[in-house]
């Protein structure tokens, strides 16, 4: 997925500042997104053979886990209950990665392509959140995590492009 403007700080929030329940809803959506990322990167690590790729995916999974912990703390601070697990779409995506692996289609390129699609979804969810009029403390955390998601996406995209060039 190509973005016309990859700068997340150009996103403008609209409308009144969200109330606590709305903030918790946005944060829970991003928490599910973080869990999808964590579980997805772990699935990719399971399916690649290269030690460098395994380490990259393991590092990204850990970053997503830390982002989730940060979101859970914010959810609690706003009086909410953290969502359980990730999304159904994320589970389906991870299942697809494992199916590819079991069928022998687990080339580094195909895994990177699947991973990039997952990152496209993650970046889009952060963009959606940043369009909301979040309280300043929440917005700063979401903006920092959005930048991290964009960096993950860009690194995976660059690795995918390098794998295509080799293949």
N, C-alpha and C. Protein backbone atom coordinates (compact mmCIF):
# COMPACT_ATOMS: atom_id res chain seq x y z
N UNK A 1 0.85 -1.16 0.00
CA UNK A 1 0.00 0.00 0.00
C UNK A 1 0.89 1.22 0.00
N UNK A 2 0.69 2.13 -0.89
CA UNK A 2 1.49 3.34 -0.96
C UNK A 2 0.74 4.49 -0.30
N UNK A 3 1.47 5.30 0.43
CA UNK A 3 0.88 6.47 1.07
C UNK A 3 1.39 7.71 0.37
N UNK A 4 0.48 8.63 0.07
CA UNK A 4 0.86 9.86 -0.61
C UNK A 4 1.81 10.67 0.28
N UNK A 5 1.52 10.72 1.57
CA UNK A 5 2.35 11.45 2.51
C UNK A 5 2.64 10.52 3.67
N UNK A 6 3.90 10.14 3.85
CA UNK A 6 4.22 9.20 4.92
C UNK A 6 4.47 9.90 6.24
N UNK A 7 4.37 11.22 6.29
CA UNK A 7 4.58 11.94 7.53
C UNK A 7 3.31 11.90 8.37
N UNK A 8 3.42 11.28 9.52
CA UNK A 8 2.25 11.15 10.39
C UNK A 8 1.91 12.45 11.09
N UNK A 9 2.88 13.37 11.22
CA UNK A 9 2.56 14.60 11.94
C UNK A 9 1.74 15.58 11.11
N UNK A 10 1.43 15.23 9.88
CA UNK A 10 0.55 16.08 9.09
C UNK A 10 -0.92 15.77 9.32
N UNK A 11 -1.21 14.69 10.07
CA UNK A 11 -2.59 14.31 10.35
C UNK A 11 -3.17 15.28 11.36
N UNK A 12 -4.33 15.80 11.06
CA UNK A 12 -4.99 16.74 11.93
C UNK A 12 -6.18 16.08 12.61
N UNK A 13 -6.32 16.35 13.91
CA UNK A 13 -7.47 15.83 14.63
C UNK A 13 -8.65 16.78 14.42
N UNK A 14 -9.84 16.21 14.53
CA UNK A 14 -11.05 17.00 14.31
C UNK A 14 -12.05 16.73 15.42
N UNK A 15 -12.98 17.66 15.59
CA UNK A 15 -14.06 17.48 16.54
C UNK A 15 -13.63 17.76 17.97
N UNK A 16 -14.58 17.58 18.88
CA UNK A 16 -14.27 17.83 20.30
C UNK A 16 -13.33 16.76 20.84
N UNK A 17 -12.64 17.09 21.93
CA UNK A 17 -11.77 16.12 22.58
C UNK A 17 -12.63 14.93 23.00
N UNK A 18 -12.13 13.75 22.77
CA UNK A 18 -12.87 12.54 23.10
C UNK A 18 -13.07 12.42 24.61
N UNK A 19 -14.21 11.83 24.99
CA UNK A 19 -14.41 11.56 26.41
C UNK A 19 -13.63 10.30 26.79
N UNK A 20 -13.62 9.98 28.09
CA UNK A 20 -12.79 8.86 28.58
C UNK A 20 -13.16 7.54 27.90
N UNK A 21 -14.46 7.26 27.74
CA UNK A 21 -14.86 6.00 27.10
C UNK A 21 -14.40 5.93 25.65
N UNK A 22 -14.47 7.05 24.95
CA UNK A 22 -14.02 7.07 23.55
C UNK A 22 -12.51 6.91 23.46
N UNK A 23 -11.79 7.51 24.40
CA UNK A 23 -10.33 7.37 24.44
C UNK A 23 -9.98 5.90 24.66
N UNK A 24 -10.66 5.25 25.60
CA UNK A 24 -10.42 3.84 25.88
C UNK A 24 -10.70 3.00 24.64
N UNK A 25 -11.76 3.31 23.90
CA UNK A 25 -12.06 2.57 22.66
C UNK A 25 -10.93 2.69 21.66
N UNK A 26 -10.42 3.90 21.45
CA UNK A 26 -9.31 4.12 20.52
C UNK A 26 -8.08 3.35 20.99
N UNK A 27 -7.79 3.45 22.28
CA UNK A 27 -6.61 2.77 22.82
C UNK A 27 -6.75 1.25 22.73
N UNK A 28 -7.94 0.73 22.96
CA UNK A 28 -8.14 -0.72 22.85
C UNK A 28 -7.98 -1.18 21.40
N UNK A 29 -8.42 -0.37 20.45
CA UNK A 29 -8.21 -0.72 19.04
C UNK A 29 -6.72 -0.81 18.74
N UNK A 30 -5.96 0.15 19.27
CA UNK A 30 -4.51 0.13 19.05
C UNK A 30 -3.84 -1.00 19.84
N UNK A 31 -4.39 -1.35 21.00
CA UNK A 31 -3.86 -2.48 21.75
C UNK A 31 -4.03 -3.77 20.96
N UNK A 32 -5.20 -3.97 20.39
CA UNK A 32 -5.41 -5.15 19.54
C UNK A 32 -4.44 -5.13 18.36
N UNK A 33 -4.23 -3.95 17.80
CA UNK A 33 -3.28 -3.78 16.70
C UNK A 33 -1.86 -4.18 17.15
N UNK A 34 -1.46 -3.74 18.33
CA UNK A 34 -0.12 -4.07 18.85
C UNK A 34 0.01 -5.58 19.05
N UNK A 35 -1.05 -6.18 19.57
CA UNK A 35 -1.00 -7.64 19.76
C UNK A 35 -0.95 -8.35 18.42
N UNK A 36 -1.73 -7.87 17.45
CA UNK A 36 -1.64 -8.46 16.11
C UNK A 36 -0.21 -8.37 15.59
N UNK A 37 0.43 -7.22 15.79
CA UNK A 37 1.81 -7.06 15.35
C UNK A 37 2.75 -8.00 16.07
N UNK A 38 2.60 -8.09 17.39
CA UNK A 38 3.46 -8.98 18.16
C UNK A 38 3.30 -10.42 17.69
N UNK A 39 2.05 -10.89 17.63
CA UNK A 39 1.80 -12.27 17.23
C UNK A 39 2.21 -12.51 15.77
N UNK A 40 1.96 -11.52 14.93
CA UNK A 40 2.31 -11.64 13.51
C UNK A 40 3.80 -11.73 13.29
N UNK A 41 4.56 -10.88 13.97
CA UNK A 41 6.02 -10.95 13.84
C UNK A 41 6.55 -12.27 14.37
N UNK A 42 5.95 -12.78 15.45
CA UNK A 42 6.38 -14.09 15.97
C UNK A 42 6.09 -15.19 14.95
N UNK A 43 4.92 -15.10 14.30
CA UNK A 43 4.57 -16.09 13.27
C UNK A 43 5.58 -16.04 12.13
N UNK A 44 5.95 -14.83 11.72
CA UNK A 44 6.93 -14.69 10.64
C UNK A 44 8.28 -15.27 11.07
N UNK A 45 8.68 -15.01 12.32
CA UNK A 45 9.95 -15.54 12.83
C UNK A 45 9.95 -17.07 12.79
N UNK A 46 8.79 -17.67 13.07
CA UNK A 46 8.68 -19.14 13.05
C UNK A 46 8.85 -19.71 11.64
N UNK A 47 8.55 -18.91 10.63
CA UNK A 47 8.49 -19.43 9.27
C UNK A 47 9.72 -19.12 8.41
N UNK A 48 10.62 -18.28 8.88
CA UNK A 48 11.81 -17.98 8.09
C UNK A 48 12.99 -18.80 8.61
N UNK A 49 13.95 -19.00 7.75
CA UNK A 49 15.13 -19.80 8.12
C UNK A 49 16.33 -18.94 8.46
N UNK A 50 16.42 -17.78 7.88
CA UNK A 50 17.57 -16.91 8.09
C UNK A 50 17.63 -16.44 9.55
N UNK A 51 18.78 -16.65 10.21
CA UNK A 51 18.91 -16.16 11.59
C UNK A 51 18.71 -14.65 11.70
N UNK A 52 19.17 -13.91 10.69
CA UNK A 52 19.00 -12.46 10.73
C UNK A 52 17.52 -12.08 10.65
N UNK A 53 16.77 -12.75 9.77
CA UNK A 53 15.33 -12.47 9.65
C UNK A 53 14.60 -12.88 10.93
N UNK A 54 14.97 -14.04 11.49
CA UNK A 54 14.36 -14.48 12.75
C UNK A 54 14.57 -13.42 13.84
N UNK A 55 15.80 -12.90 13.93
CA UNK A 55 16.11 -11.90 14.95
C UNK A 55 15.34 -10.61 14.70
N UNK A 56 15.27 -10.19 13.45
CA UNK A 56 14.51 -8.97 13.11
C UNK A 56 13.06 -9.11 13.55
N UNK A 57 12.43 -10.23 13.18
CA UNK A 57 11.02 -10.41 13.53
C UNK A 57 10.84 -10.53 15.04
N UNK A 58 11.78 -11.19 15.73
CA UNK A 58 11.69 -11.29 17.19
C UNK A 58 11.81 -9.90 17.84
N UNK A 59 12.72 -9.07 17.32
CA UNK A 59 12.87 -7.70 17.84
C UNK A 59 11.60 -6.89 17.62
N UNK A 60 11.00 -7.01 16.44
CA UNK A 60 9.77 -6.26 16.14
C UNK A 60 8.62 -6.75 17.03
N UNK A 61 8.56 -8.06 17.28
CA UNK A 61 7.53 -8.61 18.17
C UNK A 61 7.67 -8.01 19.57
N UNK A 62 8.90 -7.90 20.04
CA UNK A 62 9.14 -7.33 21.37
C UNK A 62 8.74 -5.86 21.42
N UNK A 63 9.03 -5.10 20.38
CA UNK A 63 8.62 -3.69 20.32
C UNK A 63 7.10 -3.57 20.38
N UNK A 64 6.41 -4.44 19.67
CA UNK A 64 4.95 -4.43 19.70
C UNK A 64 4.42 -4.79 21.08
N UNK A 65 5.08 -5.75 21.75
CA UNK A 65 4.67 -6.13 23.11
C UNK A 65 4.82 -4.93 24.05
N UNK A 66 5.93 -4.21 23.94
CA UNK A 66 6.15 -3.02 24.78
C UNK A 66 5.12 -1.94 24.48
N UNK A 67 4.79 -1.76 23.22
CA UNK A 67 3.76 -0.77 22.86
C UNK A 67 2.42 -1.16 23.49
N UNK A 68 2.11 -2.45 23.47
CA UNK A 68 0.87 -2.93 24.08
C UNK A 68 0.84 -2.65 25.57
N UNK A 69 1.96 -2.87 26.25
CA UNK A 69 2.03 -2.61 27.69
C UNK A 69 1.81 -1.12 27.97
N UNK A 70 2.38 -0.27 27.14
CA UNK A 70 2.20 1.18 27.29
C UNK A 70 0.73 1.56 27.09
N UNK A 71 0.09 0.94 26.11
CA UNK A 71 -1.33 1.22 25.86
C UNK A 71 -2.20 0.71 27.02
N UNK A 72 -1.86 -0.46 27.56
CA UNK A 72 -2.64 -0.98 28.69
C UNK A 72 -2.57 -0.03 29.89
N UNK A 73 -1.40 0.56 30.13
CA UNK A 73 -1.27 1.51 31.23
C UNK A 73 -2.15 2.73 31.00
N UNK A 74 -2.20 3.22 29.76
CA UNK A 74 -3.06 4.36 29.45
C UNK A 74 -4.54 4.00 29.59
N UNK A 75 -4.90 2.81 29.13
CA UNK A 75 -6.29 2.36 29.25
C UNK A 75 -6.70 2.34 30.72
N UNK A 76 -5.84 1.81 31.57
CA UNK A 76 -6.13 1.77 33.01
C UNK A 76 -6.23 3.19 33.58
N UNK A 77 -5.34 4.08 33.14
CA UNK A 77 -5.36 5.46 33.62
C UNK A 77 -6.66 6.17 33.26
N UNK A 78 -7.27 5.76 32.16
CA UNK A 78 -8.53 6.36 31.73
C UNK A 78 -9.74 5.55 32.21
N UNK A 79 -9.49 4.63 33.15
CA UNK A 79 -10.58 3.90 33.77
C UNK A 79 -11.15 2.77 32.94
N UNK A 80 -10.42 2.32 31.94
CA UNK A 80 -10.91 1.28 31.05
C UNK A 80 -10.35 -0.09 31.38
N UNK A 81 -10.87 -1.07 30.69
CA UNK A 81 -10.44 -2.45 30.80
C UNK A 81 -9.75 -2.83 29.48
N UNK A 82 -8.48 -3.27 29.53
CA UNK A 82 -7.80 -3.64 28.28
C UNK A 82 -8.50 -4.78 27.55
N UNK A 83 -8.56 -4.66 26.24
CA UNK A 83 -9.14 -5.71 25.39
C UNK A 83 -8.29 -6.97 25.50
N UNK A 84 -8.93 -8.10 25.28
CA UNK A 84 -8.23 -9.38 25.28
C UNK A 84 -7.82 -9.72 23.86
N UNK A 85 -6.58 -10.18 23.69
CA UNK A 85 -6.13 -10.69 22.39
C UNK A 85 -6.04 -9.65 21.30
N UNK A 86 -5.90 -10.16 20.08
CA UNK A 86 -5.82 -9.31 18.90
C UNK A 86 -7.15 -9.35 18.16
N UNK A 87 -7.10 -9.08 16.88
CA UNK A 87 -8.31 -9.06 16.07
C UNK A 87 -8.48 -10.36 15.30
N UNK A 88 -9.70 -10.60 14.85
CA UNK A 88 -9.96 -11.79 14.02
C UNK A 88 -9.18 -11.70 12.71
N UNK A 89 -9.13 -10.50 12.14
CA UNK A 89 -8.39 -10.32 10.88
C UNK A 89 -6.90 -10.64 11.09
N UNK A 90 -6.37 -10.22 12.23
CA UNK A 90 -4.97 -10.52 12.53
C UNK A 90 -4.73 -12.01 12.67
N UNK A 91 -5.66 -12.70 13.31
CA UNK A 91 -5.54 -14.15 13.47
C UNK A 91 -5.58 -14.84 12.11
N UNK A 92 -6.46 -14.38 11.25
CA UNK A 92 -6.53 -14.96 9.90
C UNK A 92 -5.23 -14.73 9.14
N UNK A 93 -4.69 -13.53 9.27
CA UNK A 93 -3.44 -13.19 8.58
C UNK A 93 -2.31 -14.10 9.07
N UNK A 94 -2.21 -14.29 10.40
CA UNK A 94 -1.17 -15.17 10.93
C UNK A 94 -1.38 -16.60 10.46
N UNK A 95 -2.63 -17.02 10.40
CA UNK A 95 -2.93 -18.36 9.90
C UNK A 95 -2.45 -18.53 8.48
N UNK A 96 -2.63 -17.49 7.67
CA UNK A 96 -2.18 -17.53 6.28
C UNK A 96 -0.66 -17.66 6.21
N UNK A 97 0.05 -16.95 7.07
CA UNK A 97 1.52 -17.05 7.10
C UNK A 97 1.92 -18.48 7.41
N UNK A 98 1.25 -19.10 8.39
CA UNK A 98 1.59 -20.49 8.75
C UNK A 98 1.21 -21.47 7.64
N UNK A 99 0.10 -21.23 6.95
CA UNK A 99 -0.29 -22.09 5.82
C UNK A 99 0.78 -22.02 4.74
N UNK A 100 1.22 -20.81 4.42
CA UNK A 100 2.28 -20.66 3.43
C UNK A 100 3.51 -21.46 3.84
N UNK A 101 3.85 -21.37 5.13
CA UNK A 101 5.01 -22.10 5.62
C UNK A 101 4.84 -23.60 5.51
N UNK A 102 3.65 -24.09 5.84
CA UNK A 102 3.43 -25.54 5.79
C UNK A 102 3.38 -26.07 4.36
N UNK A 103 3.09 -25.20 3.41
CA UNK A 103 3.05 -25.61 2.01
C UNK A 103 4.39 -25.41 1.31
N UNK A 104 5.37 -24.96 2.08
CA UNK A 104 6.69 -24.75 1.48
C UNK A 104 6.81 -23.43 0.74
N UNK A 105 5.82 -22.57 0.91
CA UNK A 105 5.87 -21.27 0.23
C UNK A 105 6.45 -20.21 1.16
N UNK A 106 7.28 -20.67 2.10
CA UNK A 106 7.77 -19.74 3.11
C UNK A 106 9.10 -19.11 2.72
N UNK A 107 9.22 -18.74 1.48
CA UNK A 107 10.43 -18.02 1.09
C UNK A 107 10.46 -16.71 1.88
N UNK A 108 11.65 -16.21 2.06
CA UNK A 108 11.78 -14.94 2.77
C UNK A 108 10.93 -13.87 2.10
N UNK A 109 10.90 -13.86 0.78
CA UNK A 109 10.12 -12.86 0.06
C UNK A 109 8.63 -12.97 0.39
N UNK A 110 8.06 -14.18 0.35
CA UNK A 110 6.63 -14.31 0.60
C UNK A 110 6.28 -13.94 2.04
N UNK A 111 7.16 -14.27 2.98
CA UNK A 111 6.92 -13.91 4.38
C UNK A 111 7.01 -12.40 4.54
N UNK A 112 7.99 -11.77 3.91
CA UNK A 112 8.11 -10.31 3.98
C UNK A 112 6.90 -9.63 3.35
N UNK A 113 6.40 -10.18 2.25
CA UNK A 113 5.20 -9.61 1.62
C UNK A 113 4.00 -9.70 2.56
N UNK A 114 3.83 -10.84 3.21
CA UNK A 114 2.74 -10.99 4.16
C UNK A 114 2.90 -10.04 5.34
N UNK A 115 4.12 -9.94 5.82
CA UNK A 115 4.40 -9.07 6.95
C UNK A 115 4.13 -7.61 6.58
N UNK A 116 4.50 -7.21 5.39
CA UNK A 116 4.26 -5.83 4.97
C UNK A 116 2.77 -5.53 4.90
N UNK A 117 1.97 -6.49 4.43
CA UNK A 117 0.52 -6.28 4.41
C UNK A 117 -0.02 -6.06 5.82
N UNK A 118 0.50 -6.82 6.77
CA UNK A 118 0.10 -6.62 8.16
C UNK A 118 0.49 -5.24 8.67
N UNK A 119 1.68 -4.80 8.29
CA UNK A 119 2.13 -3.47 8.70
C UNK A 119 1.31 -2.36 8.04
N UNK A 120 0.87 -2.58 6.79
CA UNK A 120 -0.02 -1.61 6.14
C UNK A 120 -1.26 -1.38 7.00
N UNK A 121 -1.83 -2.47 7.49
CA UNK A 121 -3.02 -2.39 8.32
C UNK A 121 -2.72 -1.65 9.62
N UNK A 122 -1.60 -1.97 10.24
CA UNK A 122 -1.23 -1.31 11.48
C UNK A 122 -1.05 0.18 11.32
N UNK A 123 -0.34 0.59 10.29
CA UNK A 123 -0.12 2.03 10.05
C UNK A 123 -1.46 2.72 9.81
N UNK A 124 -2.34 2.08 9.08
CA UNK A 124 -3.66 2.68 8.81
C UNK A 124 -4.45 2.87 10.11
N UNK A 125 -4.35 1.93 11.02
CA UNK A 125 -5.07 2.06 12.29
C UNK A 125 -4.52 3.22 13.12
N UNK A 126 -3.21 3.39 13.10
CA UNK A 126 -2.62 4.53 13.82
C UNK A 126 -3.04 5.85 13.16
N UNK A 127 -3.07 5.89 11.84
CA UNK A 127 -3.50 7.10 11.14
C UNK A 127 -4.94 7.46 11.53
N UNK A 128 -5.78 6.44 11.60
CA UNK A 128 -7.18 6.66 12.00
C UNK A 128 -7.24 7.22 13.41
N UNK A 129 -6.45 6.66 14.32
CA UNK A 129 -6.45 7.13 15.70
C UNK A 129 -5.98 8.58 15.79
N UNK A 130 -4.96 8.92 15.00
CA UNK A 130 -4.41 10.27 15.06
C UNK A 130 -5.35 11.32 14.47
N UNK A 131 -6.35 10.89 13.74
CA UNK A 131 -7.36 11.83 13.22
C UNK A 131 -8.38 12.19 14.30
N UNK A 132 -8.37 11.43 15.40
CA UNK A 132 -9.28 11.71 16.52
C UNK A 132 -8.67 12.81 17.37
N UNK A 133 -9.53 13.56 18.05
CA UNK A 133 -9.06 14.63 18.93
C UNK A 133 -8.77 14.02 20.31
N UNK A 134 -7.60 13.43 20.42
CA UNK A 134 -7.18 12.74 21.64
C UNK A 134 -6.62 13.74 22.65
N UNK A 135 -6.76 13.43 23.95
CA UNK A 135 -6.10 14.25 24.96
C UNK A 135 -4.59 14.26 24.69
N UNK A 136 -3.92 15.32 25.10
CA UNK A 136 -2.51 15.51 24.77
C UNK A 136 -1.63 14.35 25.23
N UNK A 137 -1.85 13.82 26.43
CA UNK A 137 -1.00 12.74 26.93
C UNK A 137 -1.16 11.48 26.07
N UNK A 138 -2.37 11.21 25.65
CA UNK A 138 -2.64 10.04 24.81
C UNK A 138 -2.09 10.27 23.41
N UNK A 139 -2.31 11.45 22.88
CA UNK A 139 -1.85 11.77 21.53
C UNK A 139 -0.34 11.61 21.41
N UNK A 140 0.40 12.03 22.44
CA UNK A 140 1.86 11.94 22.35
C UNK A 140 2.31 10.47 22.29
N UNK A 141 1.68 9.60 23.07
CA UNK A 141 2.02 8.17 23.04
C UNK A 141 1.62 7.57 21.70
N UNK A 142 0.41 7.87 21.24
CA UNK A 142 -0.07 7.31 19.97
C UNK A 142 0.80 7.79 18.81
N UNK A 143 1.19 9.06 18.83
CA UNK A 143 2.04 9.59 17.75
C UNK A 143 3.41 8.90 17.75
N UNK A 144 3.98 8.69 18.92
CA UNK A 144 5.28 8.01 18.99
C UNK A 144 5.16 6.57 18.49
N UNK A 145 4.09 5.89 18.90
CA UNK A 145 3.90 4.51 18.43
C UNK A 145 3.61 4.48 16.93
N UNK A 146 2.91 5.46 16.43
CA UNK A 146 2.62 5.52 14.99
C UNK A 146 3.92 5.66 14.20
N UNK A 147 4.83 6.46 14.71
CA UNK A 147 6.14 6.60 14.05
C UNK A 147 6.87 5.27 14.05
N UNK A 148 6.79 4.53 15.16
CA UNK A 148 7.41 3.22 15.23
C UNK A 148 6.79 2.24 14.24
N UNK A 149 5.46 2.28 14.13
CA UNK A 149 4.77 1.41 13.17
C UNK A 149 5.19 1.76 11.74
N UNK A 150 5.34 3.05 11.46
CA UNK A 150 5.77 3.47 10.13
C UNK A 150 7.21 3.00 9.86
N UNK A 151 8.07 3.10 10.86
CA UNK A 151 9.46 2.62 10.69
C UNK A 151 9.47 1.12 10.44
N UNK A 152 8.65 0.36 11.21
CA UNK A 152 8.55 -1.09 10.98
C UNK A 152 8.14 -1.36 9.54
N UNK A 153 7.08 -0.67 9.11
CA UNK A 153 6.58 -0.85 7.74
C UNK A 153 7.67 -0.59 6.73
N UNK A 154 8.35 0.53 6.89
CA UNK A 154 9.37 0.93 5.91
C UNK A 154 10.54 -0.05 5.90
N UNK A 155 10.94 -0.54 7.07
CA UNK A 155 12.04 -1.51 7.11
C UNK A 155 11.63 -2.81 6.44
N UNK A 156 10.43 -3.29 6.72
CA UNK A 156 9.95 -4.52 6.09
C UNK A 156 9.83 -4.33 4.58
N UNK A 157 9.32 -3.18 4.15
CA UNK A 157 9.22 -2.88 2.72
C UNK A 157 10.59 -2.90 2.07
N UNK A 158 11.58 -2.28 2.71
CA UNK A 158 12.93 -2.24 2.15
C UNK A 158 13.53 -3.65 2.07
N UNK A 159 13.30 -4.46 3.10
CA UNK A 159 13.78 -5.84 3.07
C UNK A 159 13.08 -6.64 1.98
N UNK A 160 11.78 -6.40 1.82
CA UNK A 160 11.04 -7.08 0.74
C UNK A 160 11.61 -6.69 -0.61
N UNK A 161 11.87 -5.40 -0.80
CA UNK A 161 12.43 -4.95 -2.08
C UNK A 161 13.80 -5.58 -2.33
N UNK A 162 14.62 -5.71 -1.28
CA UNK A 162 15.94 -6.34 -1.43
C UNK A 162 15.78 -7.82 -1.78
N UNK A 163 14.81 -8.48 -1.15
CA UNK A 163 14.57 -9.91 -1.45
C UNK A 163 14.10 -10.08 -2.89
N UNK A 164 13.27 -9.16 -3.37
CA UNK A 164 12.82 -9.22 -4.78
C UNK A 164 14.00 -9.05 -5.72
N UNK A 165 14.90 -8.14 -5.37
CA UNK A 165 16.05 -7.88 -6.24
C UNK A 165 16.98 -9.10 -6.30
N UNK A 166 17.09 -9.84 -5.20
CA UNK A 166 17.92 -11.04 -5.17
C UNK A 166 17.27 -12.19 -5.94
N UNK A 167 15.93 -12.22 -5.92
CA UNK A 167 15.21 -13.36 -6.49
C UNK A 167 14.96 -13.21 -7.93
